[in-house]
Amino acid sequence: MRDKQLYAKILGLKKPWYVEDVELSTSEGEVEVFIQHDGKKACKCSVCDTICPGYDHVIQSWRHLNTCQFKTILVARVPRTNCPEHGVLATRVPWAESGSRYTALFEALIIDWLKEASVKAVGQQMRLSWNAIDGIQQRAVKRGLERRKTKPPKRIAVDETSFQKRHEYVTVVTDHIEGVVTHVSDDRKADSLNEYFDTLSDEEKGGIECVTMDMSKAYIKSVKQNVPEADQRIAFDKFHVAQSLGQAVNKVRIDENVALIKQGSNLLKGTRYNWLTNPENMTVEQWDDFEPLRSSKLKTARAWAIRELAMTLWDYKSRAWAMKAWKRWLSWALRCRLEPVKKVARMIKEHLWGIINAIVLNANNGRAEGINSKIQSLKNRACGYRCRERYKTAIYFHLGGLDLYPSGLNR
């Protein structure tokens, strides 16, 4: 019959497999395709590929791509082999991977959908349970990690990202060159980063040229324990320095605004955006409107000027000149009589060695921060994650640069 030939062609079936029958149930909205093994060809163990004697047959079924609007199910009588080493196992079928109840083409479709929507949304679209879609995603990540052949890391970025409220975090390691997440571990402790370094050989650790991060004591400790000459390779990036200084400027503005309001002045009211916006992102009109404030004798204007000077000190090539410029800046910042700024200046002074490394190595955590932003978007799209392992799986799925698809597909 033509329907048998059609499905055999669509599924790419070759001897010893053939379509025995096709049944359509319009009331159930379902098509069942029955597949048989002719039994003439010896079967192989699904684990070691050794030709083994037959044992019996087992009936198995798989969800396949819909036929028009009808749900399609493949039903096959699958031979089982009796392997001397692995025992009685069902032989592999060409349309699905071992252990899956979905055909490879169906899983590929789900993977494509998951790249665009949440697990819940894909489940509703495909009329499958949340657990079924999640299982496909987990298998995709597992096969992707097994296939991954990572290059020895040269430049890596380490960052933390929140998992839930109440200070729940995971540590994310990003390959700066490849732009993909290479490792995700629980918490933000030294052991969290040690877990990544434990996957590397001593030679690979020695080949790491740069590790960009924030000024986390735990991460610093881990890198110093694992990476040779860590004091020359740890880089504290511009983003976190700018963030800390921005928070200091805002704290000065808040305190000064309260004092001015008590004196009957609303000079700083509604100006938060002006002080915290990067001047490069301001229009000419915004910059001109901001001129009276930034040129004033306000404490906030002084704090803003200190921050802006710090942002100009990242373009040096020479370690000596960079150190000289930052020491001049520290001299001003530590004498400014603005406690929020002085607090950040003391932090910078303590970690100046890593800031100089970032300048000399031309290193920044921008790529890691971009990935962190994408991770937060994933979390928002999923309306949060209650299970840490599923959170890590989602990060690998979307940002790990993995080959997620079942084997044998021509994509």
Protein backbone atom coordinates (compact mmCIF):
# COMPACT_ATOMS: atom_id res chain seq x y z
CA MET A 1 0.00 0.00 0.00
CA ARG A 2 1.11 3.52 -0.67
CA ASP A 3 0.77 4.61 2.97
CA LYS A 4 3.29 1.94 4.03
CA GLN A 5 5.74 3.04 1.38
CA LEU A 6 5.21 6.69 2.34
CA TYR A 7 6.02 6.16 6.00
CA ALA A 8 8.94 3.85 5.22
CA LYS A 9 10.35 6.61 3.00
CA ILE A 10 9.70 9.36 5.55
CA LEU A 11 11.30 7.37 8.36
CA GLY A 12 14.22 6.31 6.20
CA LEU A 13 13.65 2.64 7.01
CA LYS A 14 15.95 0.06 5.48
CA LYS A 15 16.13 -3.70 5.78
CA PRO A 16 15.66 -5.46 8.15
CA TRP A 17 13.05 -2.86 9.24
CA TYR A 18 9.81 -2.35 7.32
CA VAL A 19 6.34 -0.85 7.82
CA GLU A 20 3.84 -3.62 8.38
CA ASP A 21 0.68 -1.56 8.75
CA VAL A 22 -0.74 1.94 9.21
CA GLU A 23 -3.93 2.61 11.17
CA LEU A 24 -5.78 5.92 11.30
CA SER A 25 -8.22 6.72 14.10
CA THR A 26 -10.08 9.92 13.29
CA SER A 27 -12.00 9.76 16.57
CA GLU A 28 -8.75 9.69 18.54
CA GLY A 29 -6.99 12.06 16.14
CA GLU A 30 -4.13 9.58 15.91
CA VAL A 31 -2.11 7.62 13.37
CA GLU A 32 -0.32 4.42 14.41
CA VAL A 33 2.52 3.13 12.24
CA PHE A 34 3.43 -0.51 12.94
CA ILE A 35 7.05 -1.46 12.23
CA GLN A 36 8.55 -4.94 12.09
CA HIS A 37 12.03 -6.46 12.04
CA ASP A 38 12.28 -9.30 9.51
CA GLY A 39 14.47 -11.36 11.85
CA LYS A 40 16.85 -12.47 9.09
CA LYS A 41 19.73 -10.25 10.10
CA ALA A 42 21.60 -10.83 13.36
CA CYS A 43 21.24 -8.03 15.89
CA LYS A 44 23.86 -6.17 17.86
CA CYS A 45 24.03 -5.37 21.56
CA SER A 46 22.87 -1.78 22.02
CA VAL A 47 25.82 -1.04 24.34
CA CYS A 48 28.90 -2.70 22.80
CA ASP A 49 27.74 -3.38 19.21
CA THR A 50 28.69 -7.05 19.50
CA ILE A 51 26.61 -9.42 17.36
CA CYS A 52 24.64 -11.49 19.85
CA PRO A 53 22.07 -14.29 19.76
CA GLY A 54 18.45 -13.25 19.81
CA TYR A 55 16.49 -13.56 23.04
CA ASP A 56 12.90 -12.42 22.39
CA HIS A 57 10.93 -9.39 21.20
CA VAL A 58 9.37 -6.47 23.06
CA ILE A 59 6.68 -4.03 21.90
CA GLN A 60 7.77 -0.39 22.16
CA SER A 61 6.22 2.88 20.97
CA TRP A 62 7.52 6.36 20.15
CA ARG A 63 5.87 9.73 19.56
CA HIS A 64 6.68 11.00 16.07
CA LEU A 65 6.03 14.24 14.17
CA ASN A 66 2.35 14.83 13.48
CA THR A 67 0.87 13.63 10.21
CA CYS A 68 -1.10 16.69 9.15
CA GLN A 69 -3.16 17.41 12.28
CA PHE A 70 -2.98 13.82 13.58
CA LYS A 71 -0.74 12.70 16.41
CA THR A 72 1.56 9.99 15.06
CA ILE A 73 2.81 7.01 17.05
CA LEU A 74 5.38 4.47 15.88
CA VAL A 75 4.85 0.98 17.30
CA ALA A 76 7.58 -1.60 16.76
CA ARG A 77 8.27 -5.19 17.73
CA VAL A 78 11.90 -4.76 18.75
CA PRO A 79 14.27 -7.75 19.06
CA ARG A 80 16.17 -8.21 22.31
CA THR A 81 19.67 -9.67 22.38
CA ASN A 82 21.39 -11.72 25.06
CA CYS A 83 24.85 -10.15 25.37
CA PRO A 84 27.40 -12.16 27.41
CA GLU A 85 28.67 -8.91 28.92
CA HIS A 86 25.61 -6.67 29.21
CA GLY A 87 22.75 -9.15 29.45
CA VAL A 88 19.35 -8.93 27.80
CA LEU A 89 18.80 -5.60 26.06
CA ALA A 90 16.56 -4.27 23.30
CA THR A 91 18.51 -3.61 20.11
CA ARG A 92 18.86 -0.04 18.82
CA VAL A 93 16.27 1.30 16.41
CA PRO A 94 17.26 3.73 13.62
CA TRP A 95 14.53 6.30 14.30
CA ALA A 96 15.22 7.04 17.99
CA GLU A 97 18.00 7.07 20.56
CA SER A 98 18.16 4.40 23.25
CA GLY A 99 16.02 5.16 26.28
CA SER A 100 13.86 7.76 24.53
CA ARG A 101 10.15 7.40 23.89
CA TYR A 102 10.28 10.01 21.12
CA THR A 103 11.73 9.75 17.64
CA ALA A 104 14.90 11.70 16.85
CA LEU A 105 12.97 14.01 14.50
CA PHE A 106 10.38 14.73 17.20
CA GLU A 107 13.07 15.51 19.76
CA ALA A 108 14.77 17.81 17.26
CA LEU A 109 11.50 19.72 16.82
CA ILE A 110 11.12 20.09 20.60
CA ILE A 111 14.72 21.33 20.87
CA ASP A 112 14.02 23.95 18.18
CA TRP A 113 10.92 25.09 20.10
CA LEU A 114 12.78 25.20 23.42
CA LYS A 115 15.28 27.62 21.94
CA GLU A 116 12.42 30.07 21.46
CA ALA A 117 10.04 29.42 24.36
CA SER A 118 9.77 28.10 27.91
CA VAL A 119 9.28 24.44 28.84
CA LYS A 120 5.70 25.18 29.89
CA ALA A 121 4.86 26.96 26.63
CA VAL A 122 6.36 24.17 24.48
CA GLY A 123 4.47 21.55 26.50
CA GLN A 124 1.18 23.36 25.89
CA GLN A 125 1.93 23.74 22.19
CA MET A 126 2.86 20.07 21.73
CA ARG A 127 0.25 18.72 24.17
CA LEU A 128 2.88 17.07 26.33
CA SER A 129 3.51 17.24 30.06
CA TRP A 130 6.06 19.61 31.57
CA ASN A 131 8.12 16.60 32.70
CA ALA A 132 8.17 15.15 29.17
CA ILE A 133 9.54 18.38 27.66
CA ASP A 134 12.00 18.78 30.52
CA GLY A 135 13.22 15.21 29.95
CA ILE A 136 13.94 15.98 26.29
CA GLN A 137 15.88 19.09 27.32
CA GLN A 138 17.90 17.17 29.89
CA ARG A 139 18.79 14.45 27.35
CA ALA A 140 19.80 17.12 24.85
CA VAL A 141 22.18 18.74 27.33
CA LYS A 142 23.57 15.38 28.45
CA ARG A 143 24.44 14.34 24.88
CA GLY A 144 25.81 17.82 24.17
CA LEU A 145 28.16 17.71 27.16
CA GLU A 146 29.30 14.19 26.23
CA ARG A 147 30.09 15.32 22.69
CA ARG A 148 31.78 18.58 23.62
CA LYS A 149 35.47 18.76 22.84
CA THR A 150 36.66 21.86 24.61
CA LYS A 151 39.83 23.62 23.62
CA PRO A 152 42.34 24.27 26.41
CA PRO A 153 41.09 27.50 28.03
CA LYS A 154 43.13 30.64 27.46
CA ARG A 155 40.88 33.38 28.81
CA ILE A 156 38.00 32.67 31.14
CA ALA A 157 35.50 34.83 32.99
CA VAL A 158 33.98 33.92 36.33
CA ASP A 159 30.71 35.41 37.52
CA GLU A 160 27.89 34.63 39.90
CA THR A 161 24.22 34.71 39.01
CA SER A 162 21.21 34.47 41.27
CA PHE A 163 19.18 31.28 41.31
CA GLN A 164 16.43 32.29 43.73
CA LYS A 165 15.82 34.92 46.35
CA ARG A 166 17.46 34.58 49.77
CA HIS A 167 21.00 34.76 48.30
CA GLU A 168 20.86 31.55 46.26
CA TYR A 169 23.56 31.62 43.57
CA VAL A 170 25.39 29.55 40.98
CA THR A 171 28.91 30.15 39.67
CA VAL A 172 29.20 30.47 35.89
CA VAL A 173 32.50 30.06 34.03
CA THR A 174 32.60 31.50 30.50
CA ASP A 175 35.19 30.92 27.79
CA HIS A 176 36.02 34.44 26.64
CA ILE A 177 37.32 33.34 23.25
CA GLU A 178 34.46 30.96 22.36
CA GLY A 179 31.81 33.04 24.10
CA VAL A 180 30.07 30.03 25.67
CA VAL A 181 29.40 28.78 29.19
CA THR A 182 31.85 25.99 29.96
CA HIS A 183 30.88 25.21 33.55
CA VAL A 184 28.09 25.87 36.06
CA SER A 185 28.43 24.93 39.73
CA ASP A 186 26.43 25.49 42.90
CA ASP A 187 26.94 28.51 45.16
CA ARG A 188 29.69 31.15 44.90
CA LYS A 189 32.36 29.70 47.17
CA ALA A 190 35.97 28.79 46.47
CA ASP A 191 34.92 25.14 46.13
CA SER A 192 32.40 26.19 43.47
CA LEU A 193 35.24 27.40 41.24
CA ASN A 194 37.54 24.56 42.33
CA GLU A 195 34.97 22.22 40.81
CA TYR A 196 35.75 23.73 37.39
CA PHE A 197 39.52 23.68 37.83
CA ASP A 198 39.32 20.01 38.85
CA THR A 199 38.22 19.24 35.27
CA LEU A 200 41.47 20.69 33.88
CA SER A 201 44.92 19.14 33.70
CA ASP A 202 47.93 20.90 35.21
CA GLU A 203 49.05 21.78 31.69
CA GLU A 204 45.68 23.36 30.88
CA LYS A 205 45.72 25.35 34.12
CA GLY A 206 49.19 26.59 33.26
CA GLY A 207 47.94 27.73 29.85
CA ILE A 208 45.31 30.09 31.29
CA GLU A 209 46.38 33.62 30.40
CA CYS A 210 43.67 35.59 32.13
CA VAL A 211 40.80 35.11 34.60
CA THR A 212 38.39 38.06 34.78
CA MET A 213 36.10 38.33 37.79
CA ASP A 214 34.72 40.65 40.43
CA MET A 215 36.64 41.16 43.67
CA SER A 216 35.26 38.04 45.34
CA LYS A 217 37.62 36.69 48.01
CA ALA A 218 36.36 33.16 47.35
CA TYR A 219 37.11 33.31 43.63
CA ILE A 220 40.52 34.93 44.23
CA LYS A 221 41.40 32.14 46.66
CA SER A 222 40.40 29.44 44.19
CA VAL A 223 42.36 30.92 41.28
CA LYS A 224 45.47 31.38 43.43
CA GLN A 225 45.23 27.73 44.47
CA ASN A 226 44.89 26.43 40.92
CA VAL A 227 46.46 28.80 38.37
CA PRO A 228 50.23 29.37 38.26
CA GLU A 229 51.30 33.02 38.57
CA ALA A 230 47.73 33.92 39.49
CA ASP A 231 48.77 37.40 40.74
CA GLN A 232 49.61 38.26 37.12
CA ARG A 233 46.54 36.63 35.57
CA ILE A 234 43.63 37.67 37.77
CA ALA A 235 41.88 40.71 36.30
CA PHE A 236 39.22 42.81 38.04
CA ASP A 237 37.22 44.23 35.21
CA LYS A 238 36.05 47.77 34.54
CA PHE A 239 32.36 46.91 34.87
CA HIS A 240 32.51 46.13 38.60
CA VAL A 241 34.69 49.16 39.36
CA ALA A 242 32.26 51.39 37.45
CA GLN A 243 29.30 49.77 39.23
CA SER A 244 30.82 50.35 42.68
CA LEU A 245 31.70 53.95 41.90
CA GLY A 246 28.23 54.54 40.46
CA GLN A 247 26.67 53.28 43.68
CA ALA A 248 28.96 55.61 45.65
CA VAL A 249 27.93 58.62 43.54
CA ASN A 250 24.27 57.74 44.05
CA LYS A 251 24.75 57.44 47.83
CA VAL A 252 26.36 60.88 47.93
CA ARG A 253 23.46 62.27 45.85
CA ILE A 254 20.83 60.75 48.16
CA ASP A 255 22.47 62.13 51.32
CA GLU A 256 23.02 65.56 49.78
CA ASN A 257 19.48 65.70 48.40
CA VAL A 258 18.05 65.07 51.88
CA ALA A 259 20.20 67.90 53.28
CA LEU A 260 19.19 70.30 50.47
CA ILE A 261 15.47 69.55 50.89
CA LYS A 262 15.76 70.45 54.57
CA GLN A 263 17.21 73.78 53.42
CA GLY A 264 14.27 74.26 51.02
CA SER A 265 16.18 73.41 47.81
CA ASN A 266 15.05 70.84 45.19
CA LEU A 267 18.21 71.21 43.10
CA LEU A 268 19.00 67.46 43.09
CA LYS A 269 15.43 66.21 42.94
CA GLY A 270 14.84 63.98 39.89
CA THR A 271 18.50 64.06 38.78
CA ARG A 272 19.45 60.43 39.49
CA TYR A 273 19.46 59.51 35.80
CA ASN A 274 21.84 62.37 34.94
CA TRP A 275 24.50 61.30 37.44
CA LEU A 276 24.40 57.59 36.63
CA THR A 277 24.20 57.71 32.82
CA ASN A 278 27.39 57.12 30.86
CA PRO A 279 28.23 60.46 29.18
CA GLU A 280 28.86 58.56 25.95
CA ASN A 281 25.18 57.55 25.94
CA MET A 282 23.89 61.10 26.42
CA THR A 283 22.61 63.20 23.57
CA VAL A 284 24.13 66.63 22.99
CA GLU A 285 21.00 68.22 24.44
CA GLN A 286 21.15 66.04 27.59
CA TRP A 287 24.84 66.82 28.06
CA ASP A 288 24.23 70.57 27.74
CA ASP A 289 21.32 70.43 30.21
CA PHE A 290 23.53 68.54 32.65
CA GLU A 291 26.35 71.10 32.45
CA PRO A 292 25.15 73.42 35.30
CA LEU A 293 24.91 70.47 37.71
CA ARG A 294 28.23 68.81 36.86
CA SER A 295 30.06 72.13 36.96
CA SER A 296 28.55 73.12 40.33
CA LYS A 297 30.16 72.91 43.76
CA LEU A 298 27.80 70.18 44.87
CA LYS A 299 29.31 67.18 46.67
CA THR A 300 27.57 64.97 44.14
CA ALA A 301 29.33 66.82 41.29
CA ARG A 302 32.68 66.16 42.98
CA ALA A 303 31.87 62.46 43.43
CA TRP A 304 30.78 62.27 39.78
CA ALA A 305 34.04 63.89 38.62
CA ILE A 306 36.07 61.37 40.63
CA ARG A 307 34.16 58.51 39.02
CA GLU A 308 34.53 59.88 35.52
CA LEU A 309 38.29 60.32 35.95
CA ALA A 310 38.54 56.66 37.03
CA MET A 311 36.76 55.62 33.84
CA THR A 312 39.49 57.28 31.73
CA LEU A 313 42.29 55.22 33.30
CA TRP A 314 41.70 51.96 31.43
CA ASP A 315 43.49 52.71 28.17
CA TYR A 316 47.12 52.50 29.31
CA LYS A 317 49.48 49.95 27.76
CA SER A 318 52.30 50.22 30.25
CA ARG A 319 51.95 48.70 33.72
CA ALA A 320 54.14 51.44 35.24
CA TRP A 321 52.17 54.33 33.73
CA ALA A 322 48.84 52.71 34.63
CA MET A 323 49.99 52.26 38.23
CA LYS A 324 51.16 55.88 38.40
CA ALA A 325 47.84 57.21 37.09
CA TRP A 326 45.75 55.10 39.46
CA LYS A 327 47.84 56.14 42.47
CA ARG A 328 47.19 59.80 41.60
CA TRP A 329 43.49 59.04 41.37
CA LEU A 330 43.58 57.23 44.73
CA SER A 331 45.25 60.22 46.33
CA TRP A 332 42.34 62.43 45.27
CA ALA A 333 39.60 59.89 46.06
CA LEU A 334 40.92 59.12 49.54
CA ARG A 335 41.13 62.86 50.42
CA CYS A 336 37.71 63.84 49.00
CA ARG A 337 35.85 63.78 52.36
CA LEU A 338 33.00 61.84 50.71
CA GLU A 339 32.74 58.64 52.72
CA PRO A 340 30.91 56.51 50.07
CA VAL A 341 33.63 57.39 47.54
CA LYS A 342 36.43 56.83 50.05
CA LYS A 343 35.01 53.39 50.88
CA VAL A 344 35.19 52.35 47.21
CA ALA A 345 38.64 53.93 46.89
CA ARG A 346 39.92 51.81 49.77
CA MET A 347 38.54 48.70 48.05
CA ILE A 348 40.24 49.70 44.79
CA LYS A 349 43.54 50.35 46.59
CA GLU A 350 43.44 46.85 48.09
CA HIS A 351 42.76 45.26 44.69
CA LEU A 352 44.76 47.65 42.51
CA TRP A 353 47.06 44.84 41.36
CA GLY A 354 44.13 43.06 39.65
CA ILE A 355 42.87 46.29 38.07
CA ILE A 356 46.33 46.93 36.59
CA ASN A 357 46.32 43.34 35.29
CA ALA A 358 42.98 44.00 33.56
CA ILE A 359 44.43 47.09 31.87
CA VAL A 360 47.67 45.45 30.75
CA LEU A 361 45.92 42.25 29.59
CA ASN A 362 43.13 44.25 27.92
CA ALA A 363 40.64 42.10 29.81
CA ASN A 364 37.05 42.76 30.78
CA ASN A 365 34.06 40.79 31.97
CA GLY A 366 31.70 42.22 29.37
CA ARG A 367 31.01 38.87 27.74
CA ALA A 368 30.28 37.23 31.09
CA GLU A 369 27.99 40.11 32.06
CA GLY A 370 26.17 39.70 28.73
CA ILE A 371 25.72 36.00 29.43
CA ASN A 372 24.54 36.81 32.96
CA SER A 373 21.92 39.12 31.46
CA LYS A 374 20.76 36.33 29.13
CA ILE A 375 20.58 33.92 32.09
CA GLN A 376 18.33 36.34 33.96
CA SER A 377 16.13 36.59 30.86
CA LEU A 378 15.85 32.79 30.78
CA LYS A 379 14.86 32.79 34.44
CA ASN A 380 12.23 35.48 33.86
CA ARG A 381 10.83 33.64 30.83
CA ALA A 382 10.49 30.46 32.89
CA CYS A 383 9.00 32.43 35.82
CA GLY A 384 11.86 31.17 37.99
CA TYR A 385 13.33 27.77 38.76
CA ARG A 386 12.62 25.74 41.88
CA CYS A 387 15.22 23.08 41.07
CA ARG A 388 18.88 24.11 40.88
CA GLU A 389 19.77 21.26 38.49
CA ARG A 390 17.10 22.34 36.01
CA TYR A 391 18.42 25.89 36.21
CA LYS A 392 21.91 24.67 35.37
CA THR A 393 20.51 22.52 32.55
CA ALA A 394 18.76 25.55 31.04
CA ILE A 395 22.01 27.56 31.14
CA TYR A 396 23.92 24.81 29.34
CA PHE A 397 21.07 24.33 26.85
CA HIS A 398 20.88 27.95 25.76
CA LEU A 399 24.40 29.25 26.37
CA GLY A 400 26.73 26.23 26.36
CA GLY A 401 27.32 26.14 22.61
CA LEU A 402 26.43 22.43 22.65
CA ASP A 403 25.43 20.04 19.86
CA LEU A 404 22.01 19.22 21.30
CA TYR A 405 20.38 17.17 18.55
CA PRO A 406 20.00 13.38 18.44
CA SER A 407 22.54 11.51 16.33
CA GLY A 408 21.80 10.53 12.77
CA LEU A 409 19.96 13.72 11.79
CA ASN A 410 20.81 15.60 8.61
CA ARG A 411 20.48 19.19 9.79
